[in-house]
Amino acid sequence: MNKTYCRKLMQERRDAEEDDMSVCVSNEQCENCPDYESRYIEYPIQVNSIKCDERKQLMMGRAGSLVKIRPCNKEYGGKTYLGLYLGNQPWSQTVSYNNKSGELTVGMATNPAIYVFDLQRIIFGAESWWGIIENPEELKDITDDDINSQWYVKALKAMHKDEPEETTE
């Protein structure tokens, strides 16, 4: 998609939804707008202060819980494994800069980390489909139907219905 949501149009049209394409402009229009501000830090900058964000923990369950996990990577063949939920762990660094105050904010994004016994490795939640096992009946494979019934998977497929399916050779 070579379009960008226009922050100015979003503010002017307070009734616009996040997925409203009427508030989109071409990337070129965006960059040529007099109100354009890059979403990237443009150097040189003057840093007046540095703030370190505290690690925010949105736990998806209790660390140490058993989980069923189906990694997305095709190398695992759609197999469901038994894993141990380690809690949310650092996933990547984040940095933002407030050009008005000169404050640089450094933080980290976290993601659920799961140790997969059979694979002897950690797979993050964003790399898989997973769920905490509350009782023995829940220890079943995660099927394609389970994945395809998720509202966000349905939405993504509807948005990209005209695009060819991804294939691996």
C-alpha atoms as a PDB file:
ATOM      1  CA  MET A   1       0.000   0.000   0.000  1.00  0.00           C
ATOM      2  CA  ASN A   2       1.563   3.310  -1.067  1.00  0.00           C
ATOM      3  CA  LYS A   3      -0.769   5.364   1.091  1.00  0.00           C
ATOM      4  CA  THR A   4      -0.366   6.943   4.493  1.00  0.00           C
ATOM      5  CA  TYR A   5      -2.950   7.880   7.097  1.00  0.00           C
ATOM      6  CA  CYS A   6      -2.883  11.684   7.296  1.00  0.00           C
ATOM      7  CA  ARG A   7      -2.710  12.839  10.901  1.00  0.00           C
ATOM      8  CA  LYS A   8      -4.057  16.282   9.948  1.00  0.00           C
ATOM      9  CA  LEU A   9      -7.087  14.804   8.123  1.00  0.00           C
ATOM     10  CA  MET A  10      -7.716  12.448  11.051  1.00  0.00           C
ATOM     11  CA  GLN A  11      -7.775  15.431  13.434  1.00  0.00           C
ATOM     12  CA  GLU A  12     -10.044  17.453  11.125  1.00  0.00           C
ATOM     13  CA  ARG A  13     -12.449  14.532  10.670  1.00  0.00           C
ATOM     14  CA  ARG A  14     -12.937  13.395  14.234  1.00  0.00           C
ATOM     15  CA  ASP A  15     -15.560  10.886  13.072  1.00  0.00           C
ATOM     16  CA  ALA A  16     -13.039   9.024  10.885  1.00  0.00           C
ATOM     17  CA  GLU A  17     -12.300   5.461  11.871  1.00  0.00           C
ATOM     18  CA  GLU A  18      -8.749   4.105  11.875  1.00  0.00           C
ATOM     19  CA  ASP A  19      -9.452   2.017   8.785  1.00  0.00           C
ATOM     20  CA  ASP A  20     -11.195   4.884   6.934  1.00  0.00           C
ATOM     21  CA  MET A  21      -9.396   5.192   3.584  1.00  0.00           C
ATOM     22  CA  SER A  22     -10.817   8.721   3.046  1.00  0.00           C
ATOM     23  CA  VAL A  23      -8.134  10.051   5.407  1.00  0.00           C
ATOM     24  CA  CYS A  24      -5.330   8.461   3.390  1.00  0.00           C
ATOM     25  CA  VAL A  25      -3.025  10.331   1.049  1.00  0.00           C
ATOM     26  CA  SER A  26      -0.232   9.150  -1.203  1.00  0.00           C
ATOM     27  CA  ASN A  27       3.210   8.959   0.395  1.00  0.00           C
ATOM     28  CA  GLU A  28       4.351  11.752  -1.945  1.00  0.00           C
ATOM     29  CA  GLN A  29       1.439  14.017  -0.916  1.00  0.00           C
ATOM     30  CA  CYS A  30       2.264  13.369   2.723  1.00  0.00           C
ATOM     31  CA  GLU A  31       5.944  14.232   2.384  1.00  0.00           C
ATOM     32  CA  ASN A  32       5.166  17.428   0.403  1.00  0.00           C
ATOM     33  CA  CYS A  33       2.591  18.690   2.915  1.00  0.00           C
ATOM     34  CA  PRO A  34       3.643  21.850   4.806  1.00  0.00           C
ATOM     35  CA  ASP A  35       2.506  20.135   8.048  1.00  0.00           C
ATOM     36  CA  TYR A  36       4.626  17.031   7.355  1.00  0.00           C
ATOM     37  CA  GLU A  37       6.704  15.701  10.231  1.00  0.00           C
ATOM     38  CA  SER A  38       8.776  12.615   9.683  1.00  0.00           C
ATOM     39  CA  ARG A  39       7.851   9.683  11.869  1.00  0.00           C
ATOM     40  CA  TYR A  40      11.574   8.931  12.017  1.00  0.00           C
ATOM     41  CA  ILE A  41      14.127  10.829  14.048  1.00  0.00           C
ATOM     42  CA  GLU A  42      15.919  13.247  11.742  1.00  0.00           C
ATOM     43  CA  TYR A  43      19.476  14.117  12.706  1.00  0.00           C
ATOM     44  CA  PRO A  44      21.147  16.176  13.995  1.00  0.00           C
ATOM     45  CA  ILE A  45      19.052  16.579  17.134  1.00  0.00           C
ATOM     46  CA  GLN A  46      19.588  18.335  20.427  1.00  0.00           C
ATOM     47  CA  VAL A  47      18.899  16.095  23.391  1.00  0.00           C
ATOM     48  CA  ASN A  48      18.019  18.006  26.560  1.00  0.00           C
ATOM     49  CA  SER A  49      17.058  14.928  28.597  1.00  0.00           C
ATOM     50  CA  ILE A  50      16.838  11.161  28.359  1.00  0.00           C
ATOM     51  CA  LYS A  51      13.985   9.239  29.921  1.00  0.00           C
ATOM     52  CA  CYS A  52      14.034   5.453  30.318  1.00  0.00           C
ATOM     53  CA  ASP A  53      10.568   3.946  30.209  1.00  0.00           C
ATOM     54  CA  GLU A  54       9.787   1.327  32.792  1.00  0.00           C
ATOM     55  CA  ARG A  55       9.150  -2.079  31.326  1.00  0.00           C
ATOM     56  CA  LYS A  56       5.402  -2.455  30.988  1.00  0.00           C
ATOM     57  CA  GLN A  57       4.164  -5.960  31.617  1.00  0.00           C
ATOM     58  CA  LEU A  58       0.890  -7.002  30.055  1.00  0.00           C
ATOM     59  CA  MET A  59       0.996 -10.617  31.157  1.00  0.00           C
ATOM     60  CA  MET A  60      -1.054 -13.040  29.130  1.00  0.00           C
ATOM     61  CA  GLY A  61      -1.198 -15.451  32.049  1.00  0.00           C
ATOM     62  CA  ARG A  62       0.923 -16.676  34.918  1.00  0.00           C
ATOM     63  CA  ALA A  63       4.579 -17.286  34.096  1.00  0.00           C
ATOM     64  CA  GLY A  64       5.338 -20.980  34.463  1.00  0.00           C
ATOM     65  CA  SER A  65       2.026 -22.059  32.925  1.00  0.00           C
ATOM     66  CA  LEU A  66       1.940 -24.872  30.398  1.00  0.00           C
ATOM     67  CA  VAL A  67       0.864 -23.799  26.919  1.00  0.00           C
ATOM     68  CA  LYS A  68       0.057 -25.328  23.555  1.00  0.00           C
ATOM     69  CA  ILE A  69       1.917 -23.574  20.770  1.00  0.00           C
ATOM     70  CA  ARG A  70       1.884 -23.796  16.985  1.00  0.00           C
ATOM     71  CA  PRO A  71       4.808 -21.836  15.491  1.00  0.00           C
ATOM     72  CA  CYS A  72       3.983 -19.891  12.308  1.00  0.00           C
ATOM     73  CA  ASN A  73       7.258 -20.729  10.584  1.00  0.00           C
ATOM     74  CA  LYS A  74       6.637 -23.316   7.863  1.00  0.00           C
ATOM     75  CA  GLU A  75       9.691 -25.325   8.971  1.00  0.00           C
ATOM     76  CA  TYR A  76       7.577 -26.669  11.871  1.00  0.00           C
ATOM     77  CA  GLY A  77       4.955 -28.087   9.505  1.00  0.00           C
ATOM     78  CA  GLY A  78       1.915 -26.764  11.364  1.00  0.00           C
ATOM     79  CA  LYS A  79       2.629 -29.019  14.352  1.00  0.00           C
ATOM     80  CA  THR A  80       1.405 -28.109  17.850  1.00  0.00           C
ATOM     81  CA  TYR A  81       3.918 -28.405  20.696  1.00  0.00           C
ATOM     82  CA  LEU A  82       3.884 -28.309  24.478  1.00  0.00           C
ATOM     83  CA  GLY A  83       5.609 -25.246  25.915  1.00  0.00           C
ATOM     84  CA  LEU A  84       6.253 -23.306  29.091  1.00  0.00           C
ATOM     85  CA  TYR A  85       5.097 -19.674  29.254  1.00  0.00           C
ATOM     86  CA  LEU A  86       8.024 -17.587  30.519  1.00  0.00           C
ATOM     87  CA  GLY A  87       6.113 -14.307  30.705  1.00  0.00           C
ATOM     88  CA  ASN A  88       6.615 -11.227  28.578  1.00  0.00           C
ATOM     89  CA  GLN A  89      10.265 -10.761  27.695  1.00  0.00           C
ATOM     90  CA  PRO A  90      12.139  -8.002  25.835  1.00  0.00           C
ATOM     91  CA  TRP A  91      11.447  -8.185  22.106  1.00  0.00           C
ATOM     92  CA  SER A  92      12.988  -4.984  20.757  1.00  0.00           C
ATOM     93  CA  GLN A  93      14.227  -1.551  21.752  1.00  0.00           C
ATOM     94  CA  THR A  94      12.081   1.521  21.219  1.00  0.00           C
ATOM     95  CA  VAL A  95      13.204   5.125  20.971  1.00  0.00           C
ATOM     96  CA  SER A  96      11.138   8.259  20.533  1.00  0.00           C
ATOM     97  CA  TYR A  97      12.143  11.887  20.399  1.00  0.00           C
ATOM     98  CA  ASN A  98      10.037  14.900  21.316  1.00  0.00           C
ATOM     99  CA  ASN A  99      11.387  17.667  19.104  1.00  0.00           C
ATOM    100  CA  LYS A 100       9.630  20.364  21.147  1.00  0.00           C
ATOM    101  CA  SER A 101      11.110  19.408  24.540  1.00  0.00           C
ATOM    102  CA  GLY A 102      14.263  17.720  23.248  1.00  0.00           C
ATOM    103  CA  GLU A 103      13.493  14.635  25.344  1.00  0.00           C
ATOM    104  CA  LEU A 104      14.658  11.250  24.127  1.00  0.00           C
ATOM    105  CA  THR A 105      12.636   8.342  25.512  1.00  0.00           C
ATOM    106  CA  VAL A 106      14.200   4.874  25.458  1.00  0.00           C
ATOM    107  CA  GLY A 107      12.178   1.786  26.195  1.00  0.00           C
ATOM    108  CA  MET A 108      11.528  -1.749  25.138  1.00  0.00           C
ATOM    109  CA  ALA A 109       8.701  -3.657  23.585  1.00  0.00           C
ATOM    110  CA  THR A 110       7.918  -7.007  25.138  1.00  0.00           C
ATOM    111  CA  ASN A 111       6.301 -10.140  23.777  1.00  0.00           C
ATOM    112  CA  PRO A 112       5.181 -13.428  25.343  1.00  0.00           C
ATOM    113  CA  ALA A 113       8.136 -15.833  25.412  1.00  0.00           C
ATOM    114  CA  ILE A 114       7.473 -19.577  25.340  1.00  0.00           C
ATOM    115  CA  TYR A 115      10.046 -22.305  25.836  1.00  0.00           C
ATOM    116  CA  VAL A 116       9.161 -25.208  23.515  1.00  0.00           C
ATOM    117  CA  PHE A 117      10.442 -28.446  25.028  1.00  0.00           C
ATOM    118  CA  ASP A 118      10.706 -30.550  21.850  1.00  0.00           C
ATOM    119  CA  LEU A 119      12.487 -27.769  19.948  1.00  0.00           C
ATOM    120  CA  GLN A 120      14.657 -26.727  22.913  1.00  0.00           C
ATOM    121  CA  ARG A 121      14.220 -23.083  22.009  1.00  0.00           C
ATOM    122  CA  ILE A 122      12.193 -20.001  22.850  1.00  0.00           C
ATOM    123  CA  ILE A 123       9.495 -18.924  20.413  1.00  0.00           C
ATOM    124  CA  PHE A 124       7.775 -15.587  20.909  1.00  0.00           C
ATOM    125  CA  GLY A 125       4.011 -15.146  20.873  1.00  0.00           C
ATOM    126  CA  ALA A 126       4.201 -12.995  17.735  1.00  0.00           C
ATOM    127  CA  GLU A 127       5.798 -15.951  15.931  1.00  0.00           C
ATOM    128  CA  SER A 128       3.074 -18.409  16.817  1.00  0.00           C
ATOM    129  CA  TRP A 129      -0.469 -19.300  17.750  1.00  0.00           C
ATOM    130  CA  TRP A 130      -0.643 -20.287  21.379  1.00  0.00           C
ATOM    131  CA  GLY A 131      -2.840 -20.599  24.416  1.00  0.00           C
ATOM    132  CA  ILE A 132      -2.509 -21.451  28.091  1.00  0.00           C
ATOM    133  CA  ILE A 133      -3.605 -24.967  29.011  1.00  0.00           C
ATOM    134  CA  GLU A 134      -6.154 -24.713  31.819  1.00  0.00           C
ATOM    135  CA  ASN A 135      -7.142 -28.396  31.861  1.00  0.00           C
ATOM    136  CA  PRO A 136      -6.100 -31.641  30.097  1.00  0.00           C
ATOM    137  CA  GLU A 137      -8.956 -31.377  27.542  1.00  0.00           C
ATOM    138  CA  GLU A 138      -7.294 -28.239  26.138  1.00  0.00           C
ATOM    139  CA  LEU A 139      -4.140 -30.146  25.244  1.00  0.00           C
ATOM    140  CA  LYS A 140      -5.118 -30.530  21.591  1.00  0.00           C
ATOM    141  CA  ASP A 141      -3.585 -29.412  18.348  1.00  0.00           C
ATOM    142  CA  ILE A 142      -4.149 -25.865  17.168  1.00  0.00           C
ATOM    143  CA  THR A 143      -5.836 -26.403  13.809  1.00  0.00           C
ATOM    144  CA  ASP A 144      -6.148 -24.216  10.719  1.00  0.00           C
ATOM    145  CA  ASP A 145      -9.841 -23.825  11.624  1.00  0.00           C
ATOM    146  CA  ASP A 146      -8.820 -22.455  15.059  1.00  0.00           C
ATOM    147  CA  ILE A 147      -6.581 -19.897  13.362  1.00  0.00           C
ATOM    148  CA  ASN A 148      -9.022 -18.977  10.577  1.00  0.00           C
ATOM    149  CA  SER A 149     -11.843 -18.391  13.088  1.00  0.00           C
ATOM    150  CA  GLN A 150      -9.963 -15.515  14.761  1.00  0.00           C
ATOM    151  CA  TRP A 151     -11.585 -12.139  13.971  1.00  0.00           C
ATOM    152  CA  TYR A 152      -8.285 -10.513  13.000  1.00  0.00           C
ATOM    153  CA  VAL A 153      -7.391 -13.341  10.591  1.00  0.00           C
ATOM    154  CA  LYS A 154     -10.803 -12.949   8.943  1.00  0.00           C
ATOM    155  CA  ALA A 155     -10.248  -9.181   8.691  1.00  0.00           C
ATOM    156  CA  LEU A 156      -6.769  -9.567   7.169  1.00  0.00           C
ATOM    157  CA  LYS A 157      -8.012 -12.088   4.626  1.00  0.00           C
ATOM    158  CA  ALA A 158     -10.902  -9.800   3.656  1.00  0.00           C
ATOM    159  CA  MET A 159      -8.513  -6.850   3.224  1.00  0.00           C
ATOM    160  CA  HIS A 160      -6.178  -8.886   0.999  1.00  0.00           C
ATOM    161  CA  LYS A 161      -8.696 -11.088  -0.826  1.00  0.00           C
ATOM    162  CA  ASP A 162      -7.544  -9.902  -4.269  1.00  0.00           C
ATOM    163  CA  GLU A 163      -3.866 -10.679  -3.603  1.00  0.00           C
ATOM    164  CA  PRO A 164      -2.415 -14.068  -4.597  1.00  0.00           C
ATOM    165  CA  GLU A 165      -1.821 -16.614  -1.852  1.00  0.00           C
ATOM    166  CA  GLU A 166       1.759 -16.855  -0.610  1.00  0.00           C
ATOM    167  CA  THR A 167       3.461 -20.035  -1.739  1.00  0.00           C
ATOM    168  CA  THR A 168       6.759 -21.599  -0.808  1.00  0.00           C
ATOM    169  CA  GLU A 169       8.919 -23.450  -3.247  1.00  0.00           C
END
